[in-house]
Each structure stands twice: as C-alpha cells, then as structure tokens.
C-alpha cells in the first residue's frame, strides 16, 4: 500500500532491488532443498529468473502502476 501511494505521488524512484534479490534467493534455495543433487546452474538459475520476471511484472502492473507507459517514457527521454 505504501509503494502504491508513493508511486501515484511525486516520488521519482522506488527501489525494488531487495524484493528482487529475496525472490531470486528463495527460488534457488527451493531448488536446492527439493533437488539437493542439482549442481547445474541452468537448473536453479532458470527458476530464479522466472520468479524474478514474475515479481517485476507484478510490481510494474499492480504496485507501481508503470506498466504500459513505455512510449511516454521514451518520448520524455528523447525530448
């Protein structure tokens, strides 16, 4: 709720890096717990990447409200 309110106000930047790192770490740990014999990075980094993608999409769509504003952002950058 706090992030939603901040994103709709005059805030210029909201850092979600900690959430991203927690999501990636949790996904890697889950693979290691469920499949302790896995040592190929592709087997645990793939699920971590998928979880990171899910989280960032959720933050952009449901929390930050920034989904769908790419053209506006690029126009502002290029002007």
PDB file of N, CA and C in Angstrom:
ATOM      1  N   UNK A   1       0.825  -1.193   0.000  1.00  0.00           N
ATOM      2  CA  UNK A   1       0.000   0.000   0.000  1.00  0.00           C
ATOM      3  C   UNK A   1       0.871   1.260   0.000  1.00  0.00           C
ATOM      4  N   UNK A   2       1.938   1.233   0.796  1.00  0.00           N
ATOM      5  CA  UNK A   2       2.814   2.409   0.845  1.00  0.00           C
ATOM      6  C   UNK A   2       3.452   2.674  -0.516  1.00  0.00           C
ATOM      7  N   UNK A   3       3.884   1.608  -1.183  1.00  0.00           N
ATOM      8  CA  UNK A   3       4.504   1.786  -2.501  1.00  0.00           C
ATOM      9  C   UNK A   3       3.487   2.288  -3.510  1.00  0.00           C
ATOM     10  N   UNK A   4       2.260   1.767  -3.470  1.00  0.00           N
ATOM     11  CA  UNK A   4       1.219   2.230  -4.379  1.00  0.00           C
ATOM     12  C   UNK A   4       0.948   3.716  -4.191  1.00  0.00           C
ATOM     13  N   UNK A   5       0.858   4.140  -2.943  1.00  0.00           N
ATOM     14  CA  UNK A   5       0.607   5.558  -2.667  1.00  0.00           C
ATOM     15  C   UNK A   5       1.789   6.413  -3.127  1.00  0.00           C
ATOM     16  N   UNK A   6       3.004   5.958  -2.855  1.00  0.00           N
ATOM     17  CA  UNK A   6       4.195   6.718  -3.250  1.00  0.00           C
ATOM     18  C   UNK A   6       4.290   6.821  -4.769  1.00  0.00           C
ATOM     19  N   UNK A   7       3.992   5.713  -5.470  1.00  0.00           N
ATOM     20  CA  UNK A   7       4.103   5.708  -6.930  1.00  0.00           C
ATOM     21  C   UNK A   7       3.096   6.640  -7.580  1.00  0.00           C
ATOM     22  N   UNK A   8       1.972   6.878  -6.931  1.00  0.00           N
ATOM     23  CA  UNK A   8       0.977   7.767  -7.515  1.00  0.00           C
ATOM     24  C   UNK A   8       1.227   9.229  -7.144  1.00  0.00           C
ATOM     25  N   UNK A   9       2.214   9.469  -6.314  1.00  0.00           N
ATOM     26  CA  UNK A   9       2.541  10.832  -5.886  1.00  0.00           C
ATOM     27  C   UNK A   9       3.776  11.359  -6.577  1.00  0.00           C
ATOM     28  N   UNK A  10       4.441  12.301  -5.945  1.00  0.00           N
ATOM     29  CA  UNK A  10       5.591  12.966  -6.565  1.00  0.00           C
ATOM     30  C   UNK A  10       6.916  12.208  -6.434  1.00  0.00           C
ATOM     31  N   UNK A  11       6.896  10.970  -5.985  1.00  0.00           N
ATOM     32  CA  UNK A  11       8.126  10.202  -5.817  1.00  0.00           C
ATOM     33  C   UNK A  11       8.745   9.923  -7.185  1.00  0.00           C
ATOM     34  N   UNK A  12      10.042  10.093  -7.300  1.00  0.00           N
ATOM     35  CA  UNK A  12      10.733   9.885  -8.568  1.00  0.00           C
ATOM     36  C   UNK A  12      11.271   8.466  -8.730  1.00  0.00           C
ATOM     37  N   UNK A  13      11.576   7.809  -7.625  1.00  0.00           N
ATOM     38  CA  UNK A  13      12.193   6.486  -7.717  1.00  0.00           C
ATOM     39  C   UNK A  13      11.761   5.630  -6.535  1.00  0.00           C
ATOM     40  N   UNK A  14      11.435   4.389  -6.847  1.00  0.00           N
ATOM     41  CA  UNK A  14      11.135   3.400  -5.815  1.00  0.00           C
ATOM     42  C   UNK A  14      12.029   2.207  -6.096  1.00  0.00           C
ATOM     43  N   UNK A  15      12.840   1.823  -5.132  1.00  0.00           N
ATOM     44  CA  UNK A  15      13.790   0.740  -5.305  1.00  0.00           C
ATOM     45  C   UNK A  15      13.156  -0.583  -4.894  1.00  0.00           C
ATOM     46  N   UNK A  16      13.126  -1.528  -5.826  1.00  0.00           N
ATOM     47  CA  UNK A  16      12.581  -2.850  -5.535  1.00  0.00           C
ATOM     48  C   UNK A  16      13.672  -3.921  -5.559  1.00  0.00           C
ATOM     49  N   UNK A  17      14.927  -3.503  -5.530  1.00  0.00           N
ATOM     50  CA  UNK A  17      16.037  -4.448  -5.627  1.00  0.00           C
ATOM     51  C   UNK A  17      16.033  -5.471  -4.501  1.00  0.00           C
ATOM     52  N   UNK A  18      15.748  -5.061  -3.283  1.00  0.00           N
ATOM     53  CA  UNK A  18      15.745  -6.022  -2.169  1.00  0.00           C
ATOM     54  C   UNK A  18      14.710  -7.104  -2.398  1.00  0.00           C
ATOM     55  N   UNK A  19      13.520  -6.724  -2.861  1.00  0.00           N
ATOM     56  CA  UNK A  19      12.486  -7.705  -3.172  1.00  0.00           C
ATOM     57  C   UNK A  19      12.965  -8.664  -4.262  1.00  0.00           C
ATOM     58  N   UNK A  20      13.644  -8.130  -5.256  1.00  0.00           N
ATOM     59  CA  UNK A  20      14.151  -8.955  -6.358  1.00  0.00           C
ATOM     60  C   UNK A  20      15.193  -9.956  -5.857  1.00  0.00           C
ATOM     61  N   UNK A  21      16.118  -9.477  -5.047  1.00  0.00           N
ATOM     62  CA  UNK A  21      17.155 -10.377  -4.522  1.00  0.00           C
ATOM     63  C   UNK A  21      16.549 -11.471  -3.646  1.00  0.00           C
ATOM     64  N   UNK A  22      15.554 -11.114  -2.842  1.00  0.00           N
ATOM     65  CA  UNK A  22      14.885 -12.112  -1.994  1.00  0.00           C
ATOM     66  C   UNK A  22      14.164 -13.161  -2.841  1.00  0.00           C
ATOM     67  N   UNK A  23      13.506 -12.732  -3.908  1.00  0.00           N
ATOM     68  CA  UNK A  23      12.787 -13.670  -4.773  1.00  0.00           C
ATOM     69  C   UNK A  23      13.743 -14.639  -5.457  1.00  0.00           C
ATOM     70  N   UNK A  24      14.855 -14.127  -5.977  1.00  0.00           N
ATOM     71  CA  UNK A  24      15.843 -14.979  -6.648  1.00  0.00           C
ATOM     72  C   UNK A  24      16.449 -15.968  -5.657  1.00  0.00           C
ATOM     73  N   UNK A  25      16.834 -15.488  -4.494  1.00  0.00           N
ATOM     74  CA  UNK A  25      17.439 -16.356  -3.484  1.00  0.00           C
ATOM     75  C   UNK A  25      16.466 -17.441  -3.042  1.00  0.00           C
ATOM     76  N   UNK A  26      15.208 -17.084  -2.832  1.00  0.00           N
ATOM     77  CA  UNK A  26      14.206 -18.069  -2.416  1.00  0.00           C
ATOM     78  C   UNK A  26      14.007 -19.136  -3.482  1.00  0.00           C
ATOM     79  N   UNK A  27      13.997 -18.736  -4.754  1.00  0.00           N
ATOM     80  CA  UNK A  27      13.818 -19.704  -5.839  1.00  0.00           C
ATOM     81  C   UNK A  27      15.003 -20.663  -5.924  1.00  0.00           C
ATOM     82  N   UNK A  28      16.219 -20.146  -5.788  1.00  0.00           N
ATOM     83  CA  UNK A  28      17.411 -21.001  -5.815  1.00  0.00           C
ATOM     84  C   UNK A  28      17.392 -21.969  -4.627  1.00  0.00           C
ATOM     85  N   UNK A  29      17.086 -21.462  -3.440  1.00  0.00           N
ATOM     86  CA  UNK A  29      17.043 -22.320  -2.254  1.00  0.00           C
ATOM     87  C   UNK A  29      15.998 -23.419  -2.396  1.00  0.00           C
ATOM     88  N   UNK A  30      14.854 -23.073  -2.999  1.00  0.00           N
ATOM     89  CA  UNK A  30      13.788 -24.066  -3.184  1.00  0.00           C
ATOM     90  C   UNK A  30      14.287 -25.226  -4.040  1.00  0.00           C
ATOM     91  N   UNK A  31      14.979 -24.915  -5.128  1.00  0.00           N
ATOM     92  CA  UNK A  31      15.520 -25.977  -5.979  1.00  0.00           C
ATOM     93  C   UNK A  31      16.508 -26.827  -5.195  1.00  0.00           C
ATOM     94  N   UNK A  32      17.396 -26.199  -4.432  1.00  0.00           N
ATOM     95  CA  UNK A  32      18.393 -26.943  -3.676  1.00  0.00           C
ATOM     96  C   UNK A  32      17.755 -27.833  -2.613  1.00  0.00           C
ATOM     97  N   UNK A  33      16.679 -27.375  -1.998  1.00  0.00           N
ATOM     98  CA  UNK A  33      16.002 -28.186  -0.978  1.00  0.00           C
ATOM     99  C   UNK A  33      15.270 -29.357  -1.628  1.00  0.00           C
ATOM    100  N   UNK A  34      14.566 -29.082  -2.721  1.00  0.00           N
ATOM    101  CA  UNK A  34      13.775 -30.118  -3.376  1.00  0.00           C
ATOM    102  C   UNK A  34      14.619 -31.077  -4.206  1.00  0.00           C
ATOM    103  N   UNK A  35      15.777 -30.611  -4.688  1.00  0.00           N
ATOM    104  CA  UNK A  35      16.646 -31.433  -5.533  1.00  0.00           C
ATOM    105  C   UNK A  35      18.102 -31.228  -5.116  1.00  0.00           C
ATOM    106  N   UNK A  36      18.503 -31.768  -3.972  1.00  0.00           N
ATOM    107  CA  UNK A  36      19.850 -31.495  -3.441  1.00  0.00           C
ATOM    108  C   UNK A  36      20.991 -31.964  -4.337  1.00  0.00           C
ATOM    109  N   UNK A  37      20.720 -32.845  -5.281  1.00  0.00           N
ATOM    110  CA  UNK A  37      21.784 -33.329  -6.167  1.00  0.00           C
ATOM    111  C   UNK A  37      22.023 -32.417  -7.369  1.00  0.00           C
ATOM    112  N   UNK A  38      21.209 -31.393  -7.534  1.00  0.00           N
ATOM    113  CA  UNK A  38      21.352 -30.470  -8.671  1.00  0.00           C
ATOM    114  C   UNK A  38      22.566 -29.581  -8.462  1.00  0.00           C
ATOM    115  N   UNK A  39      23.429 -29.520  -9.477  1.00  0.00           N
ATOM    116  CA  UNK A  39      24.587 -28.623  -9.402  1.00  0.00           C
ATOM    117  C   UNK A  39      24.758 -27.819 -10.679  1.00  0.00           C
ATOM    118  N   UNK A  40      23.937 -28.098 -11.690  1.00  0.00           N
ATOM    119  CA  UNK A  40      23.985 -27.363 -12.955  1.00  0.00           C
ATOM    120  C   UNK A  40      23.279 -26.020 -12.763  1.00  0.00           C
ATOM    121  N   UNK A  41      23.987 -24.904 -12.934  1.00  0.00           N
ATOM    122  CA  UNK A  41      23.375 -23.588 -12.722  1.00  0.00           C
ATOM    123  C   UNK A  41      22.121 -23.353 -13.554  1.00  0.00           C
ATOM    124  N   UNK A  42      22.030 -23.980 -14.717  1.00  0.00           N
ATOM    125  CA  UNK A  42      20.832 -23.795 -15.548  1.00  0.00           C
ATOM    126  C   UNK A  42      19.593 -24.358 -14.864  1.00  0.00           C
ATOM    127  N   UNK A  43      19.795 -25.339 -13.989  1.00  0.00           N
ATOM    128  CA  UNK A  43      18.662 -25.977 -13.306  1.00  0.00           C
ATOM    129  C   UNK A  43      18.117 -25.129 -12.168  1.00  0.00           C
ATOM    130  N   UNK A  44      18.945 -24.275 -11.570  1.00  0.00           N
ATOM    131  CA  UNK A  44      18.444 -23.436 -10.482  1.00  0.00           C
ATOM    132  C   UNK A  44      18.352 -21.955 -10.857  1.00  0.00           C
ATOM    133  N   UNK A  45      19.118 -21.526 -11.843  1.00  0.00           N
ATOM    134  CA  UNK A  45      19.014 -20.129 -12.252  1.00  0.00           C
ATOM    135  C   UNK A  45      17.809 -19.879 -13.153  1.00  0.00           C
ATOM    136  N   UNK A  46      17.377 -20.911 -13.892  1.00  0.00           N
ATOM    137  CA  UNK A  46      16.173 -20.775 -14.721  1.00  0.00           C
ATOM    138  C   UNK A  46      14.947 -20.457 -13.871  1.00  0.00           C
ATOM    139  N   UNK A  47      14.659 -21.271 -12.841  1.00  0.00           N
ATOM    140  CA  UNK A  47      13.524 -20.945 -11.969  1.00  0.00           C
ATOM    141  C   UNK A  47      13.699 -19.598 -11.254  1.00  0.00           C
ATOM    142  N   UNK A  48      14.927 -19.240 -10.911  1.00  0.00           N
ATOM    143  CA  UNK A  48      15.173 -17.951 -10.256  1.00  0.00           C
ATOM    144  C   UNK A  48      14.845 -16.809 -11.217  1.00  0.00           C
ATOM    145  N   UNK A  49      15.243 -16.946 -12.468  1.00  0.00           N
ATOM    146  CA  UNK A  49      14.941 -15.924 -13.476  1.00  0.00           C
ATOM    147  C   UNK A  49      13.430 -15.811 -13.686  1.00  0.00           C
ATOM    148  N   UNK A  50      12.747 -16.952 -13.738  1.00  0.00           N
ATOM    149  CA  UNK A  50      11.293 -16.946 -13.915  1.00  0.00           C
ATOM    150  C   UNK A  50      10.604 -16.236 -12.748  1.00  0.00           C
ATOM    151  N   UNK A  51      11.060 -16.488 -11.538  1.00  0.00           N
ATOM    152  CA  UNK A  51      10.471 -15.842 -10.361  1.00  0.00           C
ATOM    153  C   UNK A  51      10.749 -14.340 -10.369  1.00  0.00           C
ATOM    154  N   UNK A  52      11.950 -13.955 -10.768  1.00  0.00           N
ATOM    155  CA  UNK A  52      12.292 -12.534 -10.870  1.00  0.00           C
ATOM    156  C   UNK A  52      11.402 -11.836 -11.901  1.00  0.00           C
ATOM    157  N   UNK A  53      11.202 -12.475 -13.039  1.00  0.00           N
ATOM    158  CA  UNK A  53      10.333 -11.919 -14.076  1.00  0.00           C
ATOM    159  C   UNK A  53       8.912 -11.736 -13.550  1.00  0.00           C
ATOM    160  N   UNK A  54       8.401 -12.748 -12.851  1.00  0.00           N
ATOM    161  CA  UNK A  54       7.054 -12.672 -12.284  1.00  0.00           C
ATOM    162  C   UNK A  54       6.942 -11.507 -11.301  1.00  0.00           C
ATOM    163  N   UNK A  55       7.943 -11.376 -10.434  1.00  0.00           N
ATOM    164  CA  UNK A  55       7.923 -10.308  -9.435  1.00  0.00           C
ATOM    165  C   UNK A  55       7.952  -8.927 -10.076  1.00  0.00           C
ATOM    166  N   UNK A  56       8.829  -8.720 -11.038  1.00  0.00           N
ATOM    167  CA  UNK A  56       8.954  -7.410 -11.678  1.00  0.00           C
ATOM    168  C   UNK A  56       7.669  -7.065 -12.430  1.00  0.00           C
ATOM    169  N   UNK A  57       7.078  -8.039 -13.117  1.00  0.00           N
ATOM    170  CA  UNK A  57       5.800  -7.783 -13.790  1.00  0.00           C
ATOM    171  C   UNK A  57       4.740  -7.375 -12.776  1.00  0.00           C
ATOM    172  N   UNK A  58       4.667  -8.097 -11.669  1.00  0.00           N
ATOM    173  CA  UNK A  58       3.692  -7.783 -10.620  1.00  0.00           C
ATOM    174  C   UNK A  58       3.920  -6.371 -10.084  1.00  0.00           C
ATOM    175  N   UNK A  59       5.157  -6.037  -9.775  1.00  0.00           N
ATOM    176  CA  UNK A  59       5.455  -4.701  -9.233  1.00  0.00           C
ATOM    177  C   UNK A  59       5.065  -3.616 -10.231  1.00  0.00           C
ATOM    178  N   UNK A  60       5.391  -3.814 -11.513  1.00  0.00           N
ATOM    179  CA  UNK A  60       5.088  -2.805 -12.528  1.00  0.00           C
ATOM    180  C   UNK A  60       3.592  -2.657 -12.768  1.00  0.00           C
ATOM    181  N   UNK A  61       2.873  -3.765 -12.743  1.00  0.00           N
ATOM    182  CA  UNK A  61       1.442  -3.713 -13.044  1.00  0.00           C
ATOM    183  C   UNK A  61       0.600  -3.345 -11.823  1.00  0.00           C
ATOM    184  N   UNK A  62       0.825  -4.028 -10.706  1.00  0.00           N
ATOM    185  CA  UNK A  62      -0.083  -3.920  -9.560  1.00  0.00           C
ATOM    186  C   UNK A  62       0.356  -2.925  -8.494  1.00  0.00           C
ATOM    187  N   UNK A  63       1.645  -2.655  -8.413  1.00  0.00           N
ATOM    188  CA  UNK A  63       2.135  -1.819  -7.316  1.00  0.00           C
ATOM    189  C   UNK A  63       2.554  -0.442  -7.812  1.00  0.00           C
ATOM    190  N   UNK A  64       3.425  -0.398  -8.782  1.00  0.00           N
ATOM    191  CA  UNK A  64       3.989   0.877  -9.223  1.00  0.00           C
ATOM    192  C   UNK A  64       3.138   1.583 -10.275  1.00  0.00           C
ATOM    193  N   UNK A  65       2.297   0.830 -10.960  1.00  0.00           N
ATOM    194  CA  UNK A  65       1.452   1.436 -11.984  1.00  0.00           C
ATOM    195  C   UNK A  65       2.214   1.916 -13.200  1.00  0.00           C
ATOM    196  N   UNK A  66       3.364   1.336 -13.471  1.00  0.00           N
ATOM    197  CA  UNK A  66       4.179   1.811 -14.583  1.00  0.00           C
ATOM    198  C   UNK A  66       4.023   0.978 -15.849  1.00  0.00           C
ATOM    199  N   UNK A  67       3.283  -0.113 -15.794  1.00  0.00           N
ATOM    200  CA  UNK A  67       3.090  -0.943 -16.980  1.00  0.00           C
ATOM    201  C   UNK A  67       2.308  -0.174 -18.033  1.00  0.00           C
ATOM    202  N   UNK A  68       2.737  -0.295 -19.282  1.00  0.00           N
ATOM    203  CA  UNK A  68       2.038   0.346 -20.375  1.00  0.00           C
ATOM    204  C   UNK A  68       2.428   1.792 -20.636  1.00  0.00           C
ATOM    205  N   UNK A  69       3.460   2.273 -19.989  1.00  0.00           N
ATOM    206  CA  UNK A  69       3.873   3.670 -20.149  1.00  0.00           C
ATOM    207  C   UNK A  69       5.200   3.801 -20.897  1.00  0.00           C
ATOM    208  N   UNK A  70       5.617   2.756 -21.582  1.00  0.00           N
ATOM    209  CA  UNK A  70       6.901   2.765 -22.268  1.00  0.00           C
ATOM    210  C   UNK A  70       7.046   3.874 -23.297  1.00  0.00           C
ATOM    211  N   UNK A  71       6.011   4.082 -24.098  1.00  0.00           N
ATOM    212  CA  UNK A  71       6.080   5.129 -25.137  1.00  0.00           C
ATOM    213  C   UNK A  71       6.203   6.516 -24.509  1.00  0.00           C
ATOM    214  N   UNK A  72       5.452   6.747 -23.430  1.00  0.00           N
ATOM    215  CA  UNK A  72       5.536   8.035 -22.744  1.00  0.00           C
ATOM    216  C   UNK A  72       6.936   8.270 -22.185  1.00  0.00           C
ATOM    217  N   UNK A  73       7.499   7.243 -21.612  1.00  0.00           N
ATOM    218  CA  UNK A  73       8.827   7.351 -21.010  1.00  0.00           C
ATOM    219  C   UNK A  73       9.876   7.624 -22.084  1.00  0.00           C
ATOM    220  N   UNK A  74       9.806   6.852 -23.180  1.00  0.00           N
ATOM    221  CA  UNK A  74      10.777   7.044 -24.258  1.00  0.00           C
ATOM    222  C   UNK A  74      10.627   8.433 -24.876  1.00  0.00           C
ATOM    223  N   UNK A  75       9.404   8.918 -25.012  1.00  0.00           N
ATOM    224  CA  UNK A  75       9.190  10.267 -25.557  1.00  0.00           C
ATOM    225  C   UNK A  75       9.796  11.320 -24.635  1.00  0.00           C
ATOM    226  N   UNK A  76       9.643  11.138 -23.325  1.00  0.00           N
ATOM    227  CA  UNK A  76      10.208  12.088 -22.371  1.00  0.00           C
ATOM    228  C   UNK A  76      11.734  12.057 -22.402  1.00  0.00           C
ATOM    229  N   UNK A  77      12.284  10.863 -22.543  1.00  0.00           N
ATOM    230  CA  UNK A  77      13.754  10.728 -22.590  1.00  0.00           C
ATOM    231  C   UNK A  77      14.313  11.377 -23.860  1.00  0.00           C
ATOM    232  N   UNK A  78      13.627  11.183 -24.955  1.00  0.00           N
ATOM    233  CA  UNK A  78      14.124  11.663 -26.257  1.00  0.00           C
ATOM    234  C   UNK A  78      13.780  13.120 -26.545  1.00  0.00           C
ATOM    235  N   UNK A  79      13.045  13.776 -25.672  1.00  0.00           N
ATOM    236  CA  UNK A  79      12.672  15.172 -25.956  1.00  0.00           C
ATOM    237  C   UNK A  79      13.663  16.157 -25.374  1.00  0.00           C
TER     238      UNK A  79
END
